[in-house]
Amino acid sequence: MARLDEFSGLKEMRPYMANLLLERAAHTRPASTGRGTLERLFTLMFKGFVYNQIWEDPDVDLAALALEPHHRLITIASGGCNVLSYLATDPAAIIAIDLNANHVALTRLKITALRDLPDHDAFFQFFGEANDENNRSAFDDILSARLDSDTRDYWEKHTPLHGRRINMFARNFYRYSLLGRFIGILHVLARLQGKRLEDILKSRSPAEQRASFDNIIAPLFDHKAIRPLSKSPDSL
């Protein structure tokens, strides 16, 4: 187990500075142009909750980085998945940064849950299933008091229609965020074509996964509605 007590801690950037850096990174065209309008739409969406998980392959990353106990690593926080993967190698420190405060709060919650929930089953129920009423109790009884005040306030904040943000973990956390909603749209589009994306989860080997991809997912990219969506940099 990585030395979580040596995790460097996540520093939340002041909102005005985060907004300025985001605009500098994303705005390449004047606002009066079509491309400039889309760039500003992107920065507007990115100020909300975007990534509830992320899928870079940690095995590839770790093979390339060859992390050792004396190494210090800086990485984007994003959904926190990569941070946890890197922590498993027991580096000296990880500095996780993000222009989006929602991602920082999620990464902090994952670190605290990994350290303080009683066992693997409790952690998997919270983040793997992420769809159980008991997760709210786990937050209130165990995690809340162990979080820093900014992160605790984030997850306890009430939002329109949904109550406290932590309620997402009692209502399928992976349906929330911009990414979660986008994936939901993809599931609907696939079903309209007679495909169920979740069927790929029935695969029991890499060979079965490839076959499922070829039969379920690959044909969707030929559809006239999905082809332009998959090619558009705006959807990415």
Protein backbone atom coordinates (compact mmCIF):
# COMPACT_ATOMS: atom_id res chain seq x y z
CA MET A 1 0.00 0.00 0.00
CA ALA A 2 1.33 3.41 -0.92
CA ARG A 3 2.16 5.82 1.88
CA LEU A 4 -1.01 7.87 1.76
CA ASP A 5 0.20 10.04 4.60
CA GLU A 6 2.84 11.32 2.22
CA PHE A 7 0.35 12.18 -0.49
CA SER A 8 1.15 15.80 -1.23
CA GLY A 9 -2.36 17.17 -0.86
CA LEU A 10 -4.40 18.86 -3.54
CA LYS A 11 -4.33 22.64 -3.71
CA GLU A 12 -7.42 24.28 -5.10
CA MET A 13 -6.61 27.17 -7.39
CA ARG A 14 -8.50 30.42 -6.88
CA PRO A 15 -11.48 30.54 -9.29
CA TYR A 16 -10.42 33.73 -11.06
CA MET A 17 -6.97 32.31 -11.78
CA ALA A 18 -8.41 28.97 -12.92
CA ASN A 19 -10.79 30.77 -15.27
CA LEU A 20 -7.97 32.88 -16.69
CA LEU A 21 -5.74 29.87 -17.35
CA LEU A 22 -8.63 27.93 -18.87
CA GLU A 23 -9.41 30.78 -21.24
CA ARG A 24 -5.77 31.09 -22.26
CA ALA A 25 -5.59 27.36 -22.95
CA ALA A 26 -8.86 27.01 -24.87
CA HIS A 27 -9.54 30.31 -26.63
CA THR A 28 -7.69 30.47 -29.92
CA ARG A 29 -10.26 32.35 -32.04
CA PRO A 30 -12.24 35.59 -31.54
CA ALA A 31 -15.62 35.20 -29.85
CA SER A 32 -17.31 36.58 -32.98
CA THR A 33 -16.30 33.51 -35.01
CA GLY A 34 -18.06 30.15 -35.02
CA ARG A 35 -14.99 28.39 -33.69
CA GLY A 36 -14.52 31.05 -31.02
CA THR A 37 -18.12 30.60 -29.88
CA LEU A 38 -17.62 26.83 -29.50
CA GLU A 39 -14.39 27.38 -27.56
CA ARG A 40 -16.23 29.62 -25.10
CA LEU A 41 -19.01 27.08 -24.81
CA PHE A 42 -16.37 24.53 -23.87
CA THR A 43 -14.88 26.71 -21.13
CA LEU A 44 -18.37 27.36 -19.78
CA MET A 45 -19.11 23.62 -19.59
CA PHE A 46 -15.69 22.86 -18.10
CA LYS A 47 -16.47 25.02 -15.07
CA GLY A 48 -19.03 22.39 -14.07
CA PHE A 49 -18.51 18.75 -13.10
CA VAL A 50 -17.00 17.13 -16.20
CA TYR A 51 -15.20 13.85 -15.38
CA ASN A 52 -16.53 11.41 -12.78
CA GLN A 53 -13.95 8.86 -13.95
CA ILE A 54 -11.21 8.65 -16.55
CA TRP A 55 -9.79 5.77 -18.57
CA GLU A 56 -6.13 6.23 -19.40
CA ASP A 57 -4.47 2.81 -19.16
CA PRO A 58 -2.48 2.82 -15.87
CA ASP A 59 -0.39 -0.20 -16.91
CA VAL A 60 0.93 1.69 -19.93
CA ASP A 61 1.56 4.82 -17.84
CA LEU A 62 3.36 2.96 -15.09
CA ALA A 63 5.53 1.01 -17.53
CA ALA A 64 6.60 4.26 -19.18
CA LEU A 65 7.13 6.22 -15.95
CA ALA A 66 8.91 3.41 -14.06
CA LEU A 67 8.11 5.14 -10.77
CA GLU A 68 10.33 4.43 -7.77
CA PRO A 69 10.03 5.43 -4.09
CA HIS A 70 12.23 8.52 -4.50
CA HIS A 71 10.20 9.96 -7.39
CA ARG A 72 7.86 12.94 -7.19
CA LEU A 73 5.10 13.14 -9.81
CA ILE A 74 2.84 15.94 -10.99
CA THR A 75 -0.39 14.96 -12.73
CA ILE A 76 -3.84 16.28 -13.60
CA ALA A 77 -6.35 15.25 -10.94
CA SER A 78 -9.27 14.64 -13.32
CA GLY A 79 -11.46 11.85 -11.91
CA GLY A 80 -8.74 10.72 -9.51
CA CYS A 81 -8.33 7.31 -11.17
CA ASN A 82 -4.78 7.90 -12.36
CA VAL A 83 -3.71 9.42 -9.05
CA LEU A 84 -4.72 6.23 -7.23
CA SER A 85 -2.95 4.07 -9.81
CA TYR A 86 0.27 6.03 -9.39
CA LEU A 87 -0.01 5.92 -5.60
CA ALA A 88 0.09 2.12 -5.76
CA THR A 89 3.76 2.35 -6.79
CA ASP A 90 4.60 4.17 -3.52
CA PRO A 91 6.32 7.31 -4.91
CA ALA A 92 7.69 9.95 -2.58
CA ALA A 93 4.90 12.38 -3.50
CA ILE A 94 2.21 13.09 -6.04
CA ILE A 95 1.13 16.64 -6.81
CA ALA A 96 -2.33 16.55 -8.40
CA ILE A 97 -3.61 19.76 -9.99
CA ASP A 98 -6.71 20.68 -11.97
CA LEU A 99 -8.36 23.83 -13.29
CA ASN A 100 -11.69 22.29 -12.28
CA ALA A 101 -12.43 22.32 -8.54
CA ASN A 102 -15.02 19.54 -8.95
CA HIS A 103 -12.26 17.12 -9.95
CA VAL A 104 -10.09 18.15 -7.02
CA ALA A 105 -12.97 17.45 -4.62
CA LEU A 106 -13.57 14.01 -6.15
CA THR A 107 -9.90 13.05 -5.95
CA ARG A 108 -9.73 14.13 -2.32
CA LEU A 109 -12.83 12.07 -1.55
CA LYS A 110 -11.31 8.98 -3.19
CA ILE A 111 -8.07 9.34 -1.24
CA THR A 112 -9.92 9.72 2.05
CA ALA A 113 -12.22 6.79 1.29
CA LEU A 114 -9.30 4.55 0.38
CA ARG A 115 -7.60 5.39 3.64
CA ASP A 116 -10.55 5.42 6.06
CA LEU A 117 -13.35 3.14 4.85
CA PRO A 118 -13.21 -0.16 6.75
CA ASP A 119 -12.47 -2.58 3.90
CA HIS A 120 -12.38 -3.19 0.15
CA ASP A 121 -16.07 -4.08 0.00
CA ALA A 122 -17.03 -0.72 1.51
CA PHE A 123 -14.78 1.12 -0.93
CA PHE A 124 -16.17 -0.83 -3.90
CA GLN A 125 -19.74 -0.20 -2.79
CA PHE A 126 -18.97 3.53 -2.62
CA PHE A 127 -17.05 3.97 -5.89
CA GLY A 128 -17.57 0.76 -7.84
CA GLU A 129 -21.33 0.43 -7.51
CA ALA A 130 -21.84 4.06 -6.41
CA ASN A 131 -25.58 3.44 -6.22
CA ASP A 132 -26.41 2.55 -2.62
CA GLU A 133 -28.24 4.47 0.10
CA ASN A 134 -25.65 3.27 2.62
CA ASN A 135 -23.03 5.42 0.89
CA ARG A 136 -24.61 8.51 2.38
CA SER A 137 -24.27 7.02 5.85
CA ALA A 138 -20.66 6.08 5.14
CA PHE A 139 -19.97 9.67 4.18
CA ASP A 140 -21.70 11.14 7.24
CA ASP A 141 -20.38 8.62 9.76
CA ILE A 142 -16.82 8.07 8.48
CA LEU A 143 -15.61 10.31 5.67
CA SER A 144 -17.04 13.73 6.45
CA ALA A 145 -15.02 14.32 9.62
CA ARG A 146 -11.81 13.19 7.90
CA LEU A 147 -12.09 15.49 4.90
CA ASP A 148 -10.62 18.99 4.75
CA SER A 149 -13.24 21.69 5.18
CA ASP A 150 -13.32 22.74 1.50
CA THR A 151 -13.95 19.19 0.28
CA ARG A 152 -16.50 18.47 3.00
CA ASP A 153 -18.39 21.66 2.13
CA TYR A 154 -18.33 20.72 -1.56
CA TRP A 155 -19.98 17.31 -1.03
CA GLU A 156 -22.45 18.62 1.56
CA LYS A 157 -23.57 21.53 -0.60
CA HIS A 158 -27.19 21.35 -1.74
CA THR A 159 -27.90 21.51 -5.47
CA PRO A 160 -31.23 22.05 -7.25
CA LEU A 161 -33.41 18.92 -7.48
CA HIS A 162 -30.78 16.56 -6.02
CA GLY A 163 -30.11 17.77 -2.48
CA ARG A 164 -26.57 17.28 -1.20
CA ARG A 165 -23.93 16.47 -3.80
CA ILE A 166 -22.98 13.32 -1.91
CA ASN A 167 -26.43 11.97 -2.82
CA MET A 168 -24.99 11.18 -6.26
CA PHE A 169 -23.35 8.11 -4.70
CA ALA A 170 -26.77 6.82 -3.69
CA ARG A 171 -28.25 7.35 -7.18
CA ASN A 172 -25.58 5.98 -9.52
CA PHE A 173 -22.74 8.48 -9.43
CA TYR A 174 -21.71 7.54 -12.98
CA ARG A 175 -24.87 9.02 -14.48
CA TYR A 176 -23.81 12.46 -13.31
CA SER A 177 -21.29 14.97 -14.68
CA LEU A 178 -20.95 16.06 -18.29
CA LEU A 179 -19.19 12.82 -19.18
CA GLY A 180 -21.84 10.67 -17.49
CA ARG A 181 -24.65 12.40 -19.36
CA PHE A 182 -22.77 12.18 -22.66
CA ILE A 183 -22.26 8.45 -22.17
CA GLY A 184 -25.97 8.14 -21.38
CA ILE A 185 -26.73 9.74 -24.76
CA LEU A 186 -24.42 7.25 -26.46
CA HIS A 187 -26.28 4.35 -24.82
CA VAL A 188 -29.57 5.73 -26.16
CA LEU A 189 -28.13 6.13 -29.67
CA ALA A 190 -26.81 2.57 -29.54
CA ARG A 191 -30.15 1.13 -28.45
CA LEU A 192 -31.86 2.93 -31.31
CA GLN A 193 -29.59 0.86 -33.55
CA GLY A 194 -30.40 -2.37 -31.73
CA LYS A 195 -27.13 -2.47 -29.78
CA ARG A 196 -26.54 -2.63 -26.03
CA LEU A 197 -23.16 -1.20 -25.10
CA GLU A 198 -23.25 -2.92 -21.70
CA ASP A 199 -23.17 -6.32 -23.42
CA ILE A 200 -19.42 -5.91 -23.89
CA LEU A 201 -19.12 -6.39 -20.11
CA LYS A 202 -20.09 -10.03 -20.58
CA SER A 203 -16.70 -10.66 -22.21
CA ARG A 204 -14.39 -12.90 -20.21
CA SER A 205 -11.17 -12.50 -22.17
CA PRO A 206 -9.42 -9.93 -24.37
CA ALA A 207 -10.38 -11.99 -27.41
CA GLU A 208 -14.05 -11.85 -26.43
CA GLN A 209 -13.74 -8.13 -25.81
CA ARG A 210 -12.37 -7.58 -29.30
CA ALA A 211 -15.15 -9.68 -30.79
CA SER A 212 -17.76 -7.74 -28.81
CA PHE A 213 -16.28 -4.46 -29.98
CA ASP A 214 -16.37 -5.60 -33.60
CA ASN A 215 -20.00 -6.75 -33.30
CA ILE A 216 -21.48 -4.13 -31.00
CA ILE A 217 -19.52 -0.89 -31.14
CA ALA A 218 -17.63 -0.73 -34.42
CA PRO A 219 -20.78 -0.84 -36.63
CA LEU A 220 -22.18 2.20 -34.83
CA PHE A 221 -19.44 4.42 -36.27
CA ASP A 222 -20.85 3.82 -39.75
CA HIS A 223 -24.24 5.27 -38.82
CA LYS A 224 -25.01 8.61 -40.45
CA ALA A 225 -25.90 10.24 -37.11
CA ILE A 226 -22.90 8.95 -35.16
CA ARG A 227 -20.20 9.33 -37.80
CA PRO A 228 -20.16 13.16 -37.76
CA LEU A 229 -20.42 13.16 -33.96
CA SER A 230 -17.36 10.94 -33.59
CA LYS A 231 -15.36 13.10 -36.01
CA SER A 232 -16.26 16.41 -34.41
CA PRO A 233 -13.62 18.06 -32.20
CA ASP A 234 -16.49 19.80 -30.40
CA SER A 235 -17.86 16.50 -29.07
CA LEU A 236 -14.38 15.60 -27.82
